[in-house]
Structures are given as C-alpha cells and as structure tokens.
Amino acid sequence: TNEAAQRFFGLLLGEPTSAGSANVVRMM
C-alpha cells in the first residue's frame, strides 16, 4: 500500500492496515 492507504484504513478501522494481513473482499 502507499502511505495514504495506511492512513485511510487507519482512520476508518482505528489502526493501519499492513500489507499481507488484509484482504479487500473480506474487508468490504
């Protein structure tokens, strides 16, 4: 991810989403 994605997911989910630990379909 880029830094903006980490900040964005962190803003919504409360913590940054690190690469390798998230799946887009599951998250949605």
PDB file of all heavy atoms in Angstrom:
ATOM      1  N   THR A   1       0.854  -1.186   0.000  1.00  0.00           N
ATOM      2  CA  THR A   1       0.000   0.000   0.000  1.00  0.00           C
ATOM      3  C   THR A   1       0.890   1.237   0.000  1.00  0.00           C
ATOM      4  O   THR A   1       2.080   1.162   0.320  1.00  0.00           O
ATOM      5  CB  THR A   1      -0.905   0.068   1.250  1.00  0.00           C
ATOM      6  OG1 THR A   1      -0.092   0.348   2.405  1.00  0.00           O
ATOM      7  CG2 THR A   1      -1.655  -1.240   1.473  1.00  0.00           C
ATOM      8  N   ASN A   2       0.305   2.361  -0.366  1.00  0.00           N
ATOM      9  CA  ASN A   2       1.027   3.610  -0.155  1.00  0.00           C
ATOM     10  C   ASN A   2       0.667   4.161   1.230  1.00  0.00           C
ATOM     11  O   ASN A   2      -0.178   3.597   1.949  1.00  0.00           O
ATOM     12  CB  ASN A   2       0.748   4.622  -1.267  1.00  0.00           C
ATOM     13  CG  ASN A   2      -0.710   5.055  -1.321  1.00  0.00           C
ATOM     14  OD1 ASN A   2      -1.554   4.601  -0.551  1.00  0.00           O
ATOM     15  ND2 ASN A   2      -1.017   5.958  -2.243  1.00  0.00           N
ATOM     16  N   GLU A   3       1.315   5.236   1.617  1.00  0.00           N
ATOM     17  CA  GLU A   3       1.088   5.790   2.956  1.00  0.00           C
ATOM     18  C   GLU A   3      -0.333   6.309   3.112  1.00  0.00           C
ATOM     19  O   GLU A   3      -0.929   6.207   4.185  1.00  0.00           O
ATOM     20  CB  GLU A   3       2.105   6.896   3.241  1.00  0.00           C
ATOM     21  CG  GLU A   3       3.538   6.407   3.353  1.00  0.00           C
ATOM     22  CD  GLU A   3       4.495   7.525   3.739  1.00  0.00           C
ATOM     23  OE1 GLU A   3       4.004   8.607   4.138  1.00  0.00           O
ATOM     24  OE2 GLU A   3       5.707   7.318   3.648  1.00  0.00           O
ATOM     25  N   ALA A   4      -0.896   6.850   2.049  1.00  0.00           N
ATOM     26  CA  ALA A   4      -2.266   7.367   2.123  1.00  0.00           C
ATOM     27  C   ALA A   4      -3.256   6.251   2.435  1.00  0.00           C
ATOM     28  O   ALA A   4      -4.199   6.446   3.205  1.00  0.00           O
ATOM     29  CB  ALA A   4      -2.639   8.058   0.817  1.00  0.00           C
ATOM     30  N   ALA A   5      -3.055   5.074   1.848  1.00  0.00           N
ATOM     31  CA  ALA A   5      -3.943   3.947   2.124  1.00  0.00           C
ATOM     32  C   ALA A   5      -3.827   3.523   3.576  1.00  0.00           C
ATOM     33  O   ALA A   5      -4.837   3.206   4.227  1.00  0.00           O
ATOM     34  CB  ALA A   5      -3.616   2.785   1.191  1.00  0.00           C
ATOM     35  N   GLN A   6      -2.630   3.502   4.100  1.00  0.00           N
ATOM     36  CA  GLN A   6      -2.448   3.137   5.502  1.00  0.00           C
ATOM     37  C   GLN A   6      -3.162   4.134   6.418  1.00  0.00           C
ATOM     38  O   GLN A   6      -3.830   3.739   7.378  1.00  0.00           O
ATOM     39  CB  GLN A   6      -0.958   3.074   5.829  1.00  0.00           C
ATOM     40  CG  GLN A   6      -0.213   1.970   5.083  1.00  0.00           C
ATOM     41  CD  GLN A   6       1.261   1.942   5.426  1.00  0.00           C
ATOM     42  OE1 GLN A   6       1.676   2.341   6.513  1.00  0.00           O
ATOM     43  NE2 GLN A   6       2.076   1.494   4.488  1.00  0.00           N
ATOM     44  N   ARG A   7      -3.039   5.411   6.102  1.00  0.00           N
ATOM     45  CA  ARG A   7      -3.711   6.426   6.925  1.00  0.00           C
ATOM     46  C   ARG A   7      -5.229   6.319   6.783  1.00  0.00           C
ATOM     47  O   ARG A   7      -5.965   6.460   7.764  1.00  0.00           O
ATOM     48  CB  ARG A   7      -3.247   7.824   6.526  1.00  0.00           C
ATOM     49  CG  ARG A   7      -1.790   8.112   6.834  1.00  0.00           C
ATOM     50  CD  ARG A   7      -1.463   9.579   6.582  1.00  0.00           C
ATOM     51  NE  ARG A   7      -0.050   9.843   6.797  1.00  0.00           N
ATOM     52  CZ  ARG A   7       0.877   9.771   5.864  1.00  0.00           C
ATOM     53  NH1 ARG A   7       0.536   9.467   4.622  1.00  0.00           N
ATOM     54  NH2 ARG A   7       2.144  10.004   6.138  1.00  0.00           N
ATOM     55  N   PHE A   8      -5.683   6.060   5.563  1.00  0.00           N
ATOM     56  CA  PHE A   8      -7.117   5.979   5.307  1.00  0.00           C
ATOM     57  C   PHE A   8      -7.740   4.803   6.050  1.00  0.00           C
ATOM     58  O   PHE A   8      -8.760   4.949   6.731  1.00  0.00           O
ATOM     59  CB  PHE A   8      -7.365   5.867   3.805  1.00  0.00           C
ATOM     60  CG  PHE A   8      -8.815   5.808   3.430  1.00  0.00           C
ATOM     61  CD1 PHE A   8      -9.667   6.859   3.719  1.00  0.00           C
ATOM     62  CD2 PHE A   8      -9.337   4.693   2.784  1.00  0.00           C
ATOM     63  CE1 PHE A   8     -11.015   6.813   3.372  1.00  0.00           C
ATOM     64  CE2 PHE A   8     -10.668   4.641   2.436  1.00  0.00           C
ATOM     65  CZ  PHE A   8     -11.510   5.697   2.730  1.00  0.00           C
ATOM     66  N   PHE A   9      -7.137   3.622   5.921  1.00  0.00           N
ATOM     67  CA  PHE A   9      -7.660   2.457   6.629  1.00  0.00           C
ATOM     68  C   PHE A   9      -7.550   2.644   8.137  1.00  0.00           C
ATOM     69  O   PHE A   9      -8.426   2.213   8.896  1.00  0.00           O
ATOM     70  CB  PHE A   9      -6.916   1.192   6.197  1.00  0.00           C
ATOM     71  CG  PHE A   9      -7.182   0.785   4.777  1.00  0.00           C
ATOM     72  CD1 PHE A   9      -6.141   0.384   3.946  1.00  0.00           C
ATOM     73  CD2 PHE A   9      -8.463   0.815   4.255  1.00  0.00           C
ATOM     74  CE1 PHE A   9      -6.388   0.013   2.632  1.00  0.00           C
ATOM     75  CE2 PHE A   9      -8.719   0.442   2.937  1.00  0.00           C
ATOM     76  CZ  PHE A   9      -7.679   0.043   2.134  1.00  0.00           C
ATOM     77  N   GLY A  10      -6.479   3.294   8.567  1.00  0.00           N
ATOM     78  CA  GLY A  10      -6.338   3.562   9.986  1.00  0.00           C
ATOM     79  C   GLY A  10      -7.411   4.505  10.495  1.00  0.00           C
ATOM     80  O   GLY A  10      -7.921   4.342  11.602  1.00  0.00           O
ATOM     81  N   LEU A  11      -7.774   5.491   9.671  1.00  0.00           N
ATOM     82  CA  LEU A  11      -8.819   6.433  10.050  1.00  0.00           C
ATOM     83  C   LEU A  11     -10.155   5.723  10.225  1.00  0.00           C
ATOM     84  O   LEU A  11     -10.897   5.991  11.170  1.00  0.00           O
ATOM     85  CB  LEU A  11      -8.941   7.521   8.979  1.00  0.00           C
ATOM     86  CG  LEU A  11     -10.051   8.561   9.169  1.00  0.00           C
ATOM     87  CD1 LEU A  11      -9.759   9.442  10.379  1.00  0.00           C
ATOM     88  CD2 LEU A  11     -10.183   9.428   7.913  1.00  0.00           C
ATOM     89  N   LEU A  12     -10.455   4.784   9.340  1.00  0.00           N
ATOM     90  CA  LEU A  12     -11.738   4.091   9.392  1.00  0.00           C
ATOM     91  C   LEU A  12     -11.752   2.956  10.413  1.00  0.00           C
ATOM     92  O   LEU A  12     -12.730   2.781  11.147  1.00  0.00           O
ATOM     93  CB  LEU A  12     -12.094   3.528   8.010  1.00  0.00           C
ATOM     94  CG  LEU A  12     -12.292   4.549   6.886  1.00  0.00           C
ATOM     95  CD1 LEU A  12     -12.594   3.822   5.573  1.00  0.00           C
ATOM     96  CD2 LEU A  12     -13.423   5.520   7.212  1.00  0.00           C
ATOM     97  N   LEU A  13     -10.671   2.198  10.450  1.00  0.00           N
ATOM     98  CA  LEU A  13     -10.652   0.975  11.253  1.00  0.00           C
ATOM     99  C   LEU A  13      -9.977   1.141  12.605  1.00  0.00           C
ATOM    100  O   LEU A  13     -10.033   0.236  13.432  1.00  0.00           O
ATOM    101  CB  LEU A  13      -9.951  -0.142  10.468  1.00  0.00           C
ATOM    102  CG  LEU A  13     -10.575  -0.483   9.106  1.00  0.00           C
ATOM    103  CD1 LEU A  13      -9.730  -1.536   8.396  1.00  0.00           C
ATOM    104  CD2 LEU A  13     -12.003  -0.955   9.276  1.00  0.00           C
ATOM    105  N   GLY A  14      -9.326   2.272  12.806  1.00  0.00           N
ATOM    106  CA  GLY A  14      -8.703   2.506  14.103  1.00  0.00           C
ATOM    107  C   GLY A  14      -7.252   2.112  14.164  1.00  0.00           C
ATOM    108  O   GLY A  14      -6.560   2.422  15.127  1.00  0.00           O
ATOM    109  N   GLU A  15      -6.774   1.387  13.155  1.00  0.00           N
ATOM    110  CA  GLU A  15      -5.363   1.027  13.107  1.00  0.00           C
ATOM    111  C   GLU A  15      -4.963   0.846  11.651  1.00  0.00           C
ATOM    112  O   GLU A  15      -5.780   0.445  10.817  1.00  0.00           O
ATOM    113  CB  GLU A  15      -5.090  -0.264  13.877  1.00  0.00           C
ATOM    114  CG  GLU A  15      -5.871  -1.459  13.369  1.00  0.00           C
ATOM    115  CD  GLU A  15      -5.614  -2.704  14.201  1.00  0.00           C
ATOM    116  OE1 GLU A  15      -5.166  -2.578  15.351  1.00  0.00           O
ATOM    117  OE2 GLU A  15      -5.859  -3.801  13.686  1.00  0.00           O
ATOM    118  N   PRO A  16      -3.701   1.135  11.327  1.00  0.00           N
ATOM    119  CA  PRO A  16      -3.265   0.992   9.933  1.00  0.00           C
ATOM    120  C   PRO A  16      -3.370  -0.448   9.472  1.00  0.00           C
ATOM    121  O   PRO A  16      -3.206  -1.384  10.242  1.00  0.00           O
ATOM    122  CB  PRO A  16      -1.802   1.468   9.966  1.00  0.00           C
ATOM    123  CG  PRO A  16      -1.688   2.271  11.224  1.00  0.00           C
ATOM    124  CD  PRO A  16      -2.647   1.670  12.204  1.00  0.00           C
ATOM    125  N   THR A  17      -3.671  -0.617   8.183  1.00  0.00           N
ATOM    126  CA  THR A  17      -3.729  -1.950   7.586  1.00  0.00           C
ATOM    127  C   THR A  17      -2.388  -2.233   6.935  1.00  0.00           C
ATOM    128  O   THR A  17      -1.976  -1.537   6.017  1.00  0.00           O
ATOM    129  CB  THR A  17      -4.852  -2.028   6.535  1.00  0.00           C
ATOM    130  OG1 THR A  17      -6.104  -1.793   7.191  1.00  0.00           O
ATOM    131  CG2 THR A  17      -4.880  -3.403   5.874  1.00  0.00           C
ATOM    132  N   SER A  18      -1.713  -3.269   7.423  1.00  0.00           N
ATOM    133  CA  SER A  18      -0.404  -3.602   6.879  1.00  0.00           C
ATOM    134  C   SER A  18      -0.544  -4.574   5.725  1.00  0.00           C
ATOM    135  O   SER A  18      -1.456  -5.398   5.687  1.00  0.00           O
ATOM    136  CB  SER A  18       0.479  -4.217   7.973  1.00  0.00           C
ATOM    137  OG  SER A  18      -0.125  -5.387   8.499  1.00  0.00           O
ATOM    138  N   ALA A  19       0.373  -4.469   4.754  1.00  0.00           N
ATOM    139  CA  ALA A  19       0.355  -5.370   3.609  1.00  0.00           C
ATOM    140  C   ALA A  19       0.548  -6.797   4.079  1.00  0.00           C
ATOM    141  O   ALA A  19       1.321  -7.069   4.992  1.00  0.00           O
ATOM    142  CB  ALA A  19       1.452  -4.975   2.617  1.00  0.00           C
ATOM    143  N   GLY A  20      -0.130  -7.719   3.457  1.00  0.00           N
ATOM    144  CA  GLY A  20       0.000  -9.120   3.807  1.00  0.00           C
ATOM    145  C   GLY A  20      -0.952  -9.572   4.893  1.00  0.00           C
ATOM    146  O   GLY A  20      -1.056 -10.757   5.175  1.00  0.00           O
ATOM    147  N   SER A  21      -1.678  -8.649   5.533  1.00  0.00           N
ATOM    148  CA  SER A  21      -2.577  -9.019   6.625  1.00  0.00           C
ATOM    149  C   SER A  21      -4.021  -8.737   6.298  1.00  0.00           C
ATOM    150  O   SER A  21      -4.890  -8.980   7.130  1.00  0.00           O
ATOM    151  CB  SER A  21      -2.185  -8.256   7.903  1.00  0.00           C
ATOM    152  OG  SER A  21      -2.430  -6.869   7.737  1.00  0.00           O
ATOM    153  N   ALA A  22      -4.309  -8.225   5.107  1.00  0.00           N
ATOM    154  CA  ALA A  22      -5.681  -7.812   4.788  1.00  0.00           C
ATOM    155  C   ALA A  22      -6.077  -8.324   3.421  1.00  0.00           C
ATOM    156  O   ALA A  22      -5.250  -8.513   2.532  1.00  0.00           O
ATOM    157  CB  ALA A  22      -5.797  -6.291   4.845  1.00  0.00           C
ATOM    158  N   ASN A  23      -7.369  -8.556   3.284  1.00  0.00           N
ATOM    159  CA  ASN A  23      -7.948  -8.984   2.024  1.00  0.00           C
ATOM    160  C   ASN A  23      -9.076  -8.028   1.684  1.00  0.00           C
ATOM    161  O   ASN A  23      -9.956  -7.773   2.511  1.00  0.00           O
ATOM    162  CB  ASN A  23      -8.466 -10.424   2.151  1.00  0.00           C
ATOM    163  CG  ASN A  23      -9.115 -10.934   0.892  1.00  0.00           C
ATOM    164  OD1 ASN A  23     -10.279 -10.651   0.616  1.00  0.00           O
ATOM    165  ND2 ASN A  23      -8.370 -11.703   0.125  1.00  0.00           N
ATOM    166  N   VAL A  24      -9.067  -7.476   0.484  1.00  0.00           N
ATOM    167  CA  VAL A  24     -10.013  -6.430   0.114  1.00  0.00           C
ATOM    168  C   VAL A  24     -11.456  -6.922   0.197  1.00  0.00           C
ATOM    169  O   VAL A  24     -12.339  -6.225   0.695  1.00  0.00           O
ATOM    170  CB  VAL A  24      -9.702  -5.908  -1.301  1.00  0.00           C
ATOM    171  CG1 VAL A  24     -10.811  -4.994  -1.792  1.00  0.00           C
ATOM    172  CG2 VAL A  24      -8.370  -5.177  -1.315  1.00  0.00           C
ATOM    173  N   VAL A  25     -11.717  -8.130  -0.277  1.00  0.00           N
ATOM    174  CA  VAL A  25     -13.077  -8.647  -0.269  1.00  0.00           C
ATOM    175  C   VAL A  25     -13.567  -8.849   1.160  1.00  0.00           C
ATOM    176  O   VAL A  25     -14.691  -8.469   1.515  1.00  0.00           O
ATOM    177  CB  VAL A  25     -13.168  -9.956  -1.068  1.00  0.00           C
ATOM    178  CG1 VAL A  25     -14.569 -10.539  -0.992  1.00  0.00           C
ATOM    179  CG2 VAL A  25     -12.774  -9.717  -2.517  1.00  0.00           C
ATOM    180  N   ARG A  26     -12.743  -9.440   1.999  1.00  0.00           N
ATOM    181  CA  ARG A  26     -13.133  -9.643   3.398  1.00  0.00           C
ATOM    182  C   ARG A  26     -13.368  -8.299   4.094  1.00  0.00           C
ATOM    183  O   ARG A  26     -14.312  -8.145   4.863  1.00  0.00           O
ATOM    184  CB  ARG A  26     -12.065 -10.435   4.141  1.00  0.00           C
ATOM    185  CG  ARG A  26     -11.958 -11.899   3.724  1.00  0.00           C
ATOM    186  CD  ARG A  26     -11.076 -12.677   4.689  1.00  0.00           C
ATOM    187  NE  ARG A  26     -10.944 -14.064   4.273  1.00  0.00           N
ATOM    188  CZ  ARG A  26      -9.924 -14.541   3.577  1.00  0.00           C
ATOM    189  NH1 ARG A  26      -8.937 -13.730   3.219  1.00  0.00           N
ATOM    190  NH2 ARG A  26      -9.866 -15.812   3.239  1.00  0.00           N
ATOM    191  N   MET A  27     -12.499  -7.344   3.850  1.00  0.00           N
ATOM    192  CA  MET A  27     -12.653  -6.037   4.475  1.00  0.00           C
ATOM    193  C   MET A  27     -13.970  -5.377   4.072  1.00  0.00           C
ATOM    194  O   MET A  27     -14.625  -4.723   4.883  1.00  0.00           O
ATOM    195  CB  MET A  27     -11.473  -5.131   4.110  1.00  0.00           C
ATOM    196  CG  MET A  27     -10.153  -5.541   4.726  1.00  0.00           C
ATOM    197  SD  MET A  27      -8.758  -4.591   4.069  1.00  0.00           S
ATOM    198  CE  MET A  27      -9.153  -2.959   4.683  1.00  0.00           C
ATOM    199  N   MET A  28     -14.363  -5.557   2.800  1.00  0.00           N
ATOM    200  CA  MET A  28     -15.570  -4.912   2.315  1.00  0.00           C
ATOM    201  C   MET A  28     -16.842  -5.593   2.820  1.00  0.00           C
ATOM    202  O   MET A  28     -17.871  -4.946   3.013  1.00  0.00           O
ATOM    203  CB  MET A  28     -15.565  -4.876   0.786  1.00  0.00           C
ATOM    204  CG  MET A  28     -16.695  -4.070   0.178  1.00  0.00           C
ATOM    205  SD  MET A  28     -16.693  -2.324   0.697  1.00  0.00           S
ATOM    206  CE  MET A  28     -15.184  -1.745  -0.097  1.00  0.00           C
TER     207      MET A  28
END
